[in-house]
């Protein structure tokens, strides 16, 4: 069992009085080895195999916490990041198998994307020309920056930007463009489905398909030079705030008379948003562990 292997390895490391770095390397290796299975589709990893994987990870997290917390283990911070990531992986993996009714996939996608388009095309501030989507992105970025009292202006950015407001505006615009780009790719899903099978509709795992596109766009935006300057405690809540705001706005503006379609659209959007939030949370824990290693 994975839990026994992890505990035995930790026991060996304790026996040789290994440095903190060795434990973190162990956690990172395990998380990165499992991660591809966590985000796999049902075609790539059958539902039964996913269920077994979740059981293994749940057992591992519980047993490792139980054994280590009752010992003289000295690094509870990295252990906490490890077990948190495992639990989030279990939650994310379970949601990758969620589906909606086959007769609602195309319409649910269209309904969801129409909301994104309306937010992207409506102007929130006539003076600046800022869209409602950009305003949501501004709020998503500003709140964690204020909460952590993070300084945006440094010697490098001072050469290109006059003040923090200009940097925030640039970040928000880039984030909004990233969302629109993701939306455009999502709108291509029906066409891709028809190409694969003549007359075929989209698969029922629409929430998963939306998640896969969004996770790729997440890595794309965080690789942007300006976003690379932001620490994880800023990026993680910013993305979660953006997703939560979009989710709330979508639910508030559904306005569907077709009860079945309304339920399936809301279900799709809810699972999609939850998957992204869990994914970002996992990435956050992995980055935290990686940065801890880099400090040694």
Protein backbone atom coordinates (compact mmCIF):
# COMPACT_ATOMS: atom_id res chain seq x y z
CA UNK A 1 0.00 0.00 0.00
CA UNK A 2 1.08 3.56 -0.71
CA UNK A 3 0.59 4.63 2.90
CA UNK A 4 2.89 1.89 4.19
CA UNK A 5 5.55 2.82 1.65
CA UNK A 6 5.38 6.49 2.61
CA UNK A 7 5.49 5.78 6.35
CA UNK A 8 8.39 3.34 5.96
CA UNK A 9 10.30 5.88 3.88
CA UNK A 10 9.70 8.63 6.44
CA UNK A 11 10.83 6.25 9.21
CA UNK A 12 14.07 5.60 7.32
CA UNK A 13 14.63 9.33 6.83
CA UNK A 14 14.05 9.93 10.52
CA UNK A 15 16.46 7.11 11.36
CA UNK A 16 19.29 8.75 9.44
CA UNK A 17 18.28 12.20 10.68
CA UNK A 18 17.69 13.43 7.15
CA UNK A 19 17.31 17.12 6.45
CA UNK A 20 13.89 18.68 5.92
CA UNK A 21 14.64 18.88 2.20
CA UNK A 22 14.63 15.07 1.88
CA UNK A 23 11.07 14.81 3.19
CA UNK A 24 9.86 17.53 0.85
CA UNK A 25 11.48 15.78 -2.11
CA UNK A 26 9.58 12.63 -1.14
CA UNK A 27 6.26 14.50 -1.03
CA UNK A 28 6.88 16.19 -4.36
CA UNK A 29 7.84 12.96 -6.13
CA UNK A 30 4.70 11.21 -4.90
CA UNK A 31 2.39 14.09 -5.80
CA UNK A 32 3.85 14.56 -9.27
CA UNK A 33 3.72 10.82 -10.00
CA UNK A 34 0.04 10.63 -9.06
CA UNK A 35 -1.09 13.93 -10.60
CA UNK A 36 -1.48 12.69 -14.23
CA UNK A 37 -3.83 9.96 -13.00
CA UNK A 38 -5.83 12.49 -11.00
CA UNK A 39 -6.68 14.62 -14.04
CA UNK A 40 -7.22 11.70 -16.43
CA UNK A 41 -10.51 11.25 -18.26
CA UNK A 42 -12.66 8.14 -17.87
CA UNK A 43 -11.34 6.97 -21.24
CA UNK A 44 -7.76 7.27 -20.02
CA UNK A 45 -8.43 5.77 -16.58
CA UNK A 46 -11.59 3.69 -16.04
CA UNK A 47 -14.04 4.69 -13.32
CA UNK A 48 -13.27 1.56 -11.27
CA UNK A 49 -9.55 2.32 -11.35
CA UNK A 50 -10.25 5.91 -10.30
CA UNK A 51 -12.27 4.68 -7.33
CA UNK A 52 -9.42 2.43 -6.20
CA UNK A 53 -6.95 5.30 -6.62
CA UNK A 54 -9.06 7.59 -4.43
CA UNK A 55 -9.29 4.91 -1.74
CA UNK A 56 -5.51 4.53 -1.77
CA UNK A 57 -4.91 8.27 -1.51
CA UNK A 58 -7.51 8.73 1.25
CA UNK A 59 -5.95 5.90 3.24
CA UNK A 60 -2.48 7.32 2.68
CA UNK A 61 -3.43 10.80 3.90
CA UNK A 62 -5.23 9.47 6.99
CA UNK A 63 -2.57 6.95 8.03
CA UNK A 64 0.37 9.25 7.42
CA UNK A 65 -1.26 11.99 9.50
CA UNK A 66 -2.09 9.53 12.27
CA UNK A 67 1.40 8.05 12.51
CA UNK A 68 3.38 11.25 12.04
CA UNK A 69 1.32 13.43 14.37
CA UNK A 70 1.99 10.93 17.16
CA UNK A 71 5.74 11.03 16.62
CA UNK A 72 8.44 13.61 17.16
CA UNK A 73 8.21 14.67 13.53
CA UNK A 74 9.62 18.17 13.19
CA UNK A 75 8.18 19.44 9.90
CA UNK A 76 4.42 19.59 10.19
CA UNK A 77 4.18 22.43 7.65
CA UNK A 78 5.39 20.43 4.66
CA UNK A 79 3.44 17.38 5.85
CA UNK A 80 0.29 19.50 5.96
CA UNK A 81 0.87 20.70 2.38
CA UNK A 82 1.34 17.09 1.29
CA UNK A 83 -1.82 15.73 2.90
CA UNK A 84 -3.88 18.75 1.80
CA UNK A 85 -2.80 18.13 -1.78
CA UNK A 86 -3.74 14.44 -1.50
CA UNK A 87 -7.22 15.29 -0.22
CA UNK A 88 -7.76 17.85 -2.96
CA UNK A 89 -6.62 15.29 -5.51
CA UNK A 90 -9.23 12.84 -4.25
CA UNK A 91 -11.95 15.48 -4.60
CA UNK A 92 -10.81 16.55 -8.06
CA UNK A 93 -10.48 13.00 -9.35
CA UNK A 94 -14.03 12.14 -8.31
CA UNK A 95 -15.40 15.15 -10.19
CA UNK A 96 -13.61 14.23 -13.42
CA UNK A 97 -16.21 11.49 -13.90
CA UNK A 98 -19.22 13.79 -13.53
CA UNK A 99 -21.54 14.00 -16.52
CA UNK A 100 -24.69 15.78 -17.63
CA UNK A 101 -27.58 14.41 -19.70
CA UNK A 102 -26.67 13.68 -23.32
CA UNK A 103 -29.58 15.67 -24.73
CA UNK A 104 -28.39 18.81 -22.91
CA UNK A 105 -24.65 18.94 -23.67
CA UNK A 106 -24.71 21.24 -26.69
CA UNK A 107 -27.35 23.55 -25.26
CA UNK A 108 -25.71 23.67 -21.82
CA UNK A 109 -22.42 24.69 -23.41
CA UNK A 110 -24.10 27.37 -25.50
CA UNK A 111 -25.95 28.72 -22.47
CA UNK A 112 -22.79 28.84 -20.35
CA UNK A 113 -20.69 30.52 -23.00
CA UNK A 114 -23.38 33.09 -23.79
CA UNK A 115 -23.01 34.37 -20.23
CA UNK A 116 -19.23 34.68 -20.59
CA UNK A 117 -19.72 36.55 -23.86
CA UNK A 118 -22.22 38.94 -22.30
CA UNK A 119 -19.85 39.76 -19.44
CA UNK A 120 -16.92 40.19 -21.83
CA UNK A 121 -18.86 42.46 -24.22
CA UNK A 122 -20.71 44.67 -21.74
CA UNK A 123 -18.96 47.87 -20.66
CA UNK A 124 -18.69 48.44 -16.91
CA UNK A 125 -16.89 51.79 -17.08
CA UNK A 126 -17.63 54.05 -20.07
CA UNK A 127 -14.74 56.35 -19.16
CA UNK A 128 -12.05 53.63 -19.24
CA UNK A 129 -13.88 51.32 -21.65
CA UNK A 130 -13.33 48.50 -19.19
CA UNK A 131 -15.66 45.52 -19.64
CA UNK A 132 -17.52 43.83 -16.82
CA UNK A 133 -15.18 40.86 -17.22
CA UNK A 134 -12.11 43.09 -16.82
CA UNK A 135 -13.67 44.66 -13.73
CA UNK A 136 -14.18 41.21 -12.22
CA UNK A 137 -10.52 40.48 -12.96
CA UNK A 138 -9.44 43.77 -11.36
CA UNK A 139 -11.32 42.89 -8.17
CA UNK A 140 -9.90 39.36 -8.22
CA UNK A 141 -6.35 40.73 -8.33
CA UNK A 142 -6.75 43.71 -5.98
CA UNK A 143 -8.33 41.83 -3.05
CA UNK A 144 -5.43 39.41 -2.36
CA UNK A 145 -2.87 42.15 -3.05
CA UNK A 146 -4.48 44.31 -0.37
CA UNK A 147 -4.93 41.38 1.99
CA UNK A 148 -1.23 40.47 1.84
CA UNK A 149 -0.07 44.10 1.53
CA UNK A 150 1.93 43.03 -1.52
CA UNK A 151 4.06 45.64 -3.30
CA UNK A 152 3.63 45.54 -7.08
CA UNK A 153 6.24 48.15 -7.99
CA UNK A 154 9.87 47.04 -7.90
CA UNK A 155 12.97 48.23 -9.72
CA UNK A 156 12.16 46.10 -12.78
CA UNK A 157 8.49 46.96 -13.17
CA UNK A 158 9.12 50.64 -12.39
CA UNK A 159 10.85 50.95 -15.76
CA UNK A 160 7.71 49.91 -17.65
CA UNK A 161 4.83 51.09 -15.46
CA UNK A 162 4.03 54.40 -13.76
CA UNK A 163 2.20 52.99 -10.77
CA UNK A 164 0.49 49.94 -9.26
CA UNK A 165 -2.85 50.90 -10.83
CA UNK A 166 -1.37 50.57 -14.30
CA UNK A 167 0.10 47.17 -13.46
CA UNK A 168 -3.23 45.93 -12.06
CA UNK A 169 -5.02 47.15 -15.18
CA UNK A 170 -2.52 45.30 -17.39
CA UNK A 171 -2.85 42.12 -15.31
CA UNK A 172 -6.65 42.31 -15.42
CA UNK A 173 -6.70 42.85 -19.18
CA UNK A 174 -4.40 39.85 -19.73
CA UNK A 175 -6.53 37.69 -17.44
CA UNK A 176 -9.75 38.74 -19.21
CA UNK A 177 -8.21 37.95 -22.60
CA UNK A 178 -7.21 34.54 -21.24
CA UNK A 179 -10.82 33.86 -20.20
CA UNK A 180 -12.10 34.90 -23.62
CA UNK A 181 -9.53 32.67 -25.32
CA UNK A 182 -10.68 29.75 -23.17
CA UNK A 183 -14.30 30.51 -24.08
CA UNK A 184 -13.46 30.48 -27.79
CA UNK A 185 -11.84 27.06 -27.46
CA UNK A 186 -14.81 25.75 -25.51
CA UNK A 187 -17.17 26.90 -28.25
CA UNK A 188 -15.27 24.65 -30.66
CA UNK A 189 -16.13 21.49 -28.70
CA UNK A 190 -19.33 20.64 -30.68
CA UNK A 191 -17.46 20.96 -33.97
CA UNK A 192 -14.62 18.78 -32.68
CA UNK A 193 -17.16 16.16 -31.57
CA UNK A 194 -18.81 16.12 -35.01
CA UNK A 195 -15.41 15.77 -36.68
CA UNK A 196 -14.60 12.71 -34.60
CA UNK A 197 -17.94 11.08 -35.33
CA UNK A 198 -20.26 12.13 -38.14
CA UNK A 199 -23.52 13.33 -36.65
CA UNK A 200 -22.18 12.71 -33.15
CA UNK A 201 -22.82 15.02 -30.24
CA UNK A 202 -20.52 16.02 -27.45
CA UNK A 203 -19.64 13.52 -24.76
CA UNK A 204 -21.54 13.77 -21.49
CA UNK A 205 -18.39 14.68 -19.55
CA UNK A 206 -18.77 18.33 -20.55
CA UNK A 207 -17.65 19.64 -17.12
CA UNK A 208 -14.39 17.72 -17.53
CA UNK A 209 -13.83 19.02 -21.06
CA UNK A 210 -14.29 22.60 -19.87
CA UNK A 211 -11.93 21.92 -16.98
CA UNK A 212 -9.19 20.57 -19.25
CA UNK A 213 -9.28 23.67 -21.43
CA UNK A 214 -9.31 26.01 -18.43
CA UNK A 215 -6.44 24.23 -16.69
CA UNK A 216 -4.32 24.65 -19.82
CA UNK A 217 -5.22 28.35 -19.99
CA UNK A 218 -4.37 28.68 -16.29
CA UNK A 219 -0.82 27.52 -16.94
CA UNK A 220 -0.64 29.79 -19.95
CA UNK A 221 -1.56 32.94 -18.01
CA UNK A 222 0.66 32.12 -15.03
CA UNK A 223 3.61 31.78 -17.42
CA UNK A 224 3.12 35.42 -18.44
CA UNK A 225 6.19 37.45 -17.32
CA UNK A 226 4.07 39.89 -15.32
CA UNK A 227 2.12 37.12 -13.56
CA UNK A 228 5.37 35.31 -12.76
CA UNK A 229 6.20 38.17 -10.40
CA UNK A 230 3.12 37.43 -8.30
CA UNK A 231 3.52 34.97 -5.40
CA UNK A 232 1.24 31.97 -4.96
CA UNK A 233 -0.73 33.63 -2.09
CA UNK A 234 -1.80 36.28 -4.63
CA UNK A 235 -2.44 34.13 -7.70
CA UNK A 236 -4.43 31.37 -5.98
CA UNK A 237 -7.11 33.55 -4.33
CA UNK A 238 -7.24 35.76 -7.44
CA UNK A 239 -8.13 32.83 -9.68
CA UNK A 240 -10.58 31.40 -7.14
CA UNK A 241 -12.26 34.82 -6.79
CA UNK A 242 -12.58 35.07 -10.57
CA UNK A 243 -14.12 31.60 -10.84
CA UNK A 244 -16.48 32.21 -7.90
CA UNK A 245 -17.63 35.55 -9.33
CA UNK A 246 -18.28 34.02 -12.74
CA UNK A 247 -20.11 31.10 -11.14
CA UNK A 248 -22.32 33.40 -9.06
CA UNK A 249 -23.06 35.64 -12.03
CA UNK A 250 -23.94 32.66 -14.19
CA UNK A 251 -26.40 31.29 -11.64
CA UNK A 252 -27.98 34.71 -11.19
CA UNK A 253 -28.48 35.20 -14.92
CA UNK A 254 -29.51 31.72 -16.08
CA UNK A 255 -33.16 32.65 -16.62
CA UNK A 256 -34.07 29.40 -18.39
CA UNK A 257 -37.67 28.26 -18.74
CA UNK A 258 -36.55 24.72 -19.59
CA UNK A 259 -36.16 23.20 -16.11
CA UNK A 260 -34.11 20.22 -17.28
CA UNK A 261 -31.69 22.40 -19.25
CA UNK A 262 -31.41 24.86 -16.35
CA UNK A 263 -30.54 22.05 -13.94
CA UNK A 264 -28.01 20.43 -16.27
CA UNK A 265 -26.39 23.78 -17.15
CA UNK A 266 -26.04 24.70 -13.48
CA UNK A 267 -24.70 21.24 -12.70
CA UNK A 268 -22.14 21.49 -15.49
CA UNK A 269 -21.00 24.96 -14.45
CA UNK A 270 -20.80 24.02 -10.75
CA UNK A 271 -18.64 20.94 -11.32
CA UNK A 272 -16.44 22.81 -13.78
CA UNK A 273 -15.83 25.65 -11.31
CA UNK A 274 -15.18 23.26 -8.42
CA UNK A 275 -12.66 21.29 -10.48
CA UNK A 276 -10.72 24.43 -11.37
CA UNK A 277 -10.67 25.56 -7.74
CA UNK A 278 -9.38 22.19 -6.54
CA UNK A 279 -6.81 22.10 -9.34
CA UNK A 280 -5.48 25.55 -8.47
CA UNK A 281 -5.36 24.51 -4.81
CA UNK A 282 -3.26 21.45 -5.66
CA UNK A 283 -0.89 23.50 -7.79
CA UNK A 284 -0.59 25.95 -4.89
CA UNK A 285 0.48 23.20 -2.47
CA UNK A 286 2.96 21.75 -4.98
CA UNK A 287 4.50 25.18 -5.61
CA UNK A 288 4.73 25.80 -1.86
CA UNK A 289 6.68 22.57 -1.42
CA UNK A 290 8.88 23.35 -4.44
CA UNK A 291 9.71 26.79 -3.07
CA UNK A 292 10.56 25.28 0.30
CA UNK A 293 13.10 23.01 -1.42
CA UNK A 294 14.54 25.95 -3.36
CA UNK A 295 15.27 27.76 -0.10
CA UNK A 296 17.70 25.07 0.98
